[in-house]
Amino acid sequence: MTWLGRLLLAAFALIVAIPAGALTLGAGVLLDPSFREALGELGLVGLFAGLSDLAQGVPPDMAVMAVILFAQALSLLLILPPTLAALVGETLGLRSPFWYGGAAAGLTALLPWLARGGPPPAAGSVASAAEARLAAILLVTGAVSGLVYWLIAGRSVGNRTQRRGADAF
């Protein structure tokens, strides 16, 4: 396969893998009982509080900044891990689903811990349990996006050895 064809296949695979990860993240958050309850309680309250603040004169640029920050955080979680796993896998010619799924899963699960920069919550606390559940959801999210990439483009990376029988010579 030519380099242009490989590049187009990799781009298409990422275009499919990133929404697959987003759907997995959404499903994981909605299926976890504590996150679902928190979103149910805080989601409507936060929406109504934000709308009332906007109605009372809070500048709309603050709302736009909040949306931009949320989009940046989601893009960091959903776009960076499968893209980085794909770049390394394509560069090194790796064809293993364990590489694509594992690398994307590990990086996705580690990003919030790396971004926090502070000490972890105390063991056994509610925050520690919520962080562990979030890490598990992010691990599955990264694994799904990495494996979707592998299904589309990762299986054909590198040089395949041509099987030549005795009749080929």
Protein backbone atom coordinates (compact mmCIF):
# COMPACT_ATOMS: atom_id res chain seq x y z
CA MET A 1 0.00 0.00 0.00
CA THR A 2 1.35 3.39 -0.86
CA TRP A 3 2.04 5.96 1.81
CA LEU A 4 -0.88 8.12 0.66
CA GLY A 5 -3.28 5.19 0.86
CA ARG A 6 -1.93 4.30 4.29
CA LEU A 7 -2.36 7.89 5.46
CA LEU A 8 -5.96 8.02 4.22
CA LEU A 9 -6.76 4.68 5.84
CA ALA A 10 -5.25 5.82 9.14
CA ALA A 11 -7.20 9.10 9.04
CA PHE A 12 -10.44 7.26 8.30
CA ALA A 13 -9.74 4.81 11.12
CA LEU A 14 -9.21 7.67 13.56
CA ILE A 15 -12.38 9.39 12.35
CA VAL A 16 -14.30 6.23 13.24
CA ALA A 17 -12.37 5.36 16.43
CA ILE A 18 -12.79 8.73 18.16
CA PRO A 19 -16.63 8.72 18.11
CA ALA A 20 -16.56 5.07 19.21
CA GLY A 21 -14.56 6.16 22.25
CA ALA A 22 -16.95 9.06 22.86
CA LEU A 23 -19.95 6.72 22.77
CA THR A 24 -18.20 4.35 25.16
CA LEU A 25 -17.39 7.19 27.55
CA GLY A 26 -20.99 8.40 27.48
CA ALA A 27 -22.33 4.90 28.04
CA GLY A 28 -19.87 4.27 30.87
CA VAL A 29 -20.82 7.46 32.66
CA LEU A 30 -24.53 6.80 32.22
CA LEU A 31 -24.28 3.15 33.30
CA ASP A 32 -22.30 3.83 36.48
CA PRO A 33 -24.93 4.39 39.20
CA SER A 34 -23.06 7.05 41.17
CA PHE A 35 -22.10 9.10 38.09
CA ARG A 36 -25.62 8.77 36.71
CA GLU A 37 -27.06 10.02 40.00
CA ALA A 38 -24.59 12.92 40.18
CA LEU A 39 -25.33 13.92 36.60
CA GLY A 40 -29.04 13.69 37.25
CA GLU A 41 -28.84 15.94 40.29
CA LEU A 42 -26.14 18.35 39.17
CA GLY A 43 -26.93 18.40 35.49
CA LEU A 44 -30.32 20.07 35.72
CA VAL A 45 -29.33 22.21 38.69
CA GLY A 46 -26.19 23.38 36.89
CA LEU A 47 -28.10 24.04 33.69
CA PHE A 48 -30.78 26.07 35.46
CA ALA A 49 -28.18 27.96 37.52
CA GLY A 50 -26.20 28.76 34.37
CA LEU A 51 -29.29 29.96 32.54
CA SER A 52 -30.37 32.13 35.46
CA ASP A 53 -26.84 33.60 35.71
CA LEU A 54 -26.90 34.40 32.01
CA ALA A 55 -30.30 35.99 32.42
CA GLN A 56 -28.99 38.11 35.30
CA GLY A 57 -26.19 39.61 33.26
CA VAL A 58 -23.20 37.30 33.39
CA PRO A 59 -21.36 37.94 30.14
CA PRO A 60 -21.84 35.29 27.50
CA ASP A 61 -18.10 35.10 26.89
CA MET A 62 -17.77 33.25 30.22
CA ALA A 63 -20.24 30.64 28.99
CA VAL A 64 -18.31 30.36 25.73
CA MET A 65 -15.06 29.91 27.66
CA ALA A 66 -16.63 27.14 29.76
CA VAL A 67 -17.76 25.33 26.61
CA ILE A 68 -14.29 25.73 25.06
CA LEU A 69 -12.59 24.34 28.17
CA PHE A 70 -14.99 21.40 28.23
CA ALA A 71 -14.31 20.71 24.54
CA GLN A 72 -10.54 20.87 25.13
CA ALA A 73 -10.77 18.38 28.00
CA LEU A 74 -12.88 16.00 25.92
CA SER A 75 -10.54 16.27 22.95
CA LEU A 76 -7.58 15.54 25.18
CA LEU A 77 -9.29 12.41 26.50
CA LEU A 78 -10.81 11.19 23.24
CA ILE A 79 -8.45 12.30 20.45
CA LEU A 80 -4.92 12.23 21.89
CA PRO A 81 -4.67 8.60 23.11
CA PRO A 82 -5.80 6.76 19.94
CA THR A 83 -3.88 9.21 17.75
CA LEU A 84 -0.67 8.76 19.72
CA ALA A 85 -1.08 4.96 19.75
CA ALA A 86 -1.72 5.03 16.00
CA LEU A 87 1.33 7.20 15.29
CA VAL A 88 3.65 4.97 17.29
CA GLY A 89 2.09 1.80 15.89
CA GLU A 90 2.31 3.02 12.30
CA THR A 91 5.88 4.24 12.75
CA LEU A 92 7.08 0.99 14.30
CA GLY A 93 4.95 -1.23 12.05
CA LEU A 94 3.10 -2.84 14.96
CA ARG A 95 0.13 -5.04 14.07
CA SER A 96 -0.92 -6.28 17.50
CA PRO A 97 -4.38 -5.45 18.86
CA PHE A 98 -2.77 -5.52 22.31
CA TRP A 99 -0.64 -2.53 21.33
CA TYR A 100 -3.44 -0.39 19.92
CA GLY A 101 -6.01 -1.28 22.58
CA GLY A 102 -3.57 -1.32 25.48
CA ALA A 103 -1.67 1.83 24.61
CA ALA A 104 -4.81 3.87 24.00
CA ALA A 105 -6.45 2.44 27.16
CA GLY A 106 -3.46 3.10 29.38
CA LEU A 107 -2.93 6.62 28.13
CA THR A 108 -6.62 7.50 28.41
CA ALA A 109 -6.80 6.18 31.97
CA LEU A 110 -3.59 7.94 33.03
CA LEU A 111 -4.35 11.39 31.57
CA PRO A 112 -6.56 12.65 34.45
CA TRP A 113 -4.01 11.47 37.01
CA LEU A 114 -1.18 13.15 35.12
CA ALA A 115 -3.16 16.36 34.64
CA ARG A 116 -4.13 16.60 38.29
CA GLY A 117 -0.58 17.40 39.38
CA GLY A 118 -1.47 17.24 43.06
CA PRO A 119 -1.43 14.48 45.62
CA PRO A 120 -3.95 11.67 45.14
CA PRO A 121 -7.00 11.55 47.39
CA ALA A 122 -6.70 9.59 50.62
CA ALA A 123 -7.15 5.84 50.22
CA GLY A 124 -10.61 4.66 51.18
CA SER A 125 -12.20 8.09 50.72
CA VAL A 126 -15.21 8.79 48.53
CA ALA A 127 -13.03 10.78 46.14
CA SER A 128 -10.63 7.86 45.81
CA ALA A 129 -13.46 5.47 44.95
CA ALA A 130 -14.91 7.89 42.40
CA GLU A 131 -11.49 8.37 40.84
CA ALA A 132 -11.01 4.60 40.55
CA ARG A 133 -14.42 4.22 38.86
CA LEU A 134 -13.59 7.05 36.47
CA ALA A 135 -10.22 5.45 35.67
CA ALA A 136 -11.97 2.16 34.87
CA ILE A 137 -14.44 3.93 32.56
CA LEU A 138 -11.59 5.78 30.84
CA LEU A 139 -9.61 2.54 30.50
CA VAL A 140 -12.50 0.91 28.64
CA THR A 141 -12.99 4.07 26.55
CA GLY A 142 -9.37 4.05 25.41
CA ALA A 143 -9.42 0.31 24.74
CA VAL A 144 -12.49 0.62 22.53
CA SER A 145 -11.07 3.50 20.50
CA GLY A 146 -7.71 1.75 20.11
CA LEU A 147 -9.30 -1.53 19.05
CA VAL A 148 -11.61 0.18 16.57
CA TYR A 149 -8.55 1.81 15.02
CA TRP A 150 -6.80 -1.57 14.89
CA LEU A 151 -9.82 -3.22 13.25
CA ILE A 152 -9.82 -0.67 10.44
CA ALA A 153 -6.16 0.19 9.91
CA GLY A 154 -3.91 -1.52 12.43
CA ARG A 155 -4.18 -5.04 11.07
CA SER A 156 -2.53 -4.06 7.81
CA VAL A 157 0.42 -2.11 9.24
CA GLY A 158 3.93 -3.10 8.25
CA ASN A 159 5.21 -5.55 5.73
CA ARG A 160 3.35 -8.79 5.48
CA THR A 161 5.49 -11.73 4.65
CA GLN A 162 4.40 -13.20 1.37
CA ARG A 163 3.76 -16.90 1.60
CA ARG A 164 5.41 -18.55 -1.32
CA GLY A 165 4.79 -22.16 -2.01
CA ALA A 166 6.98 -24.56 -3.91
CA ASP A 167 5.10 -23.74 -7.09
CA ALA A 168 6.04 -20.05 -6.86
CA PHE A 169 9.60 -20.69 -7.93
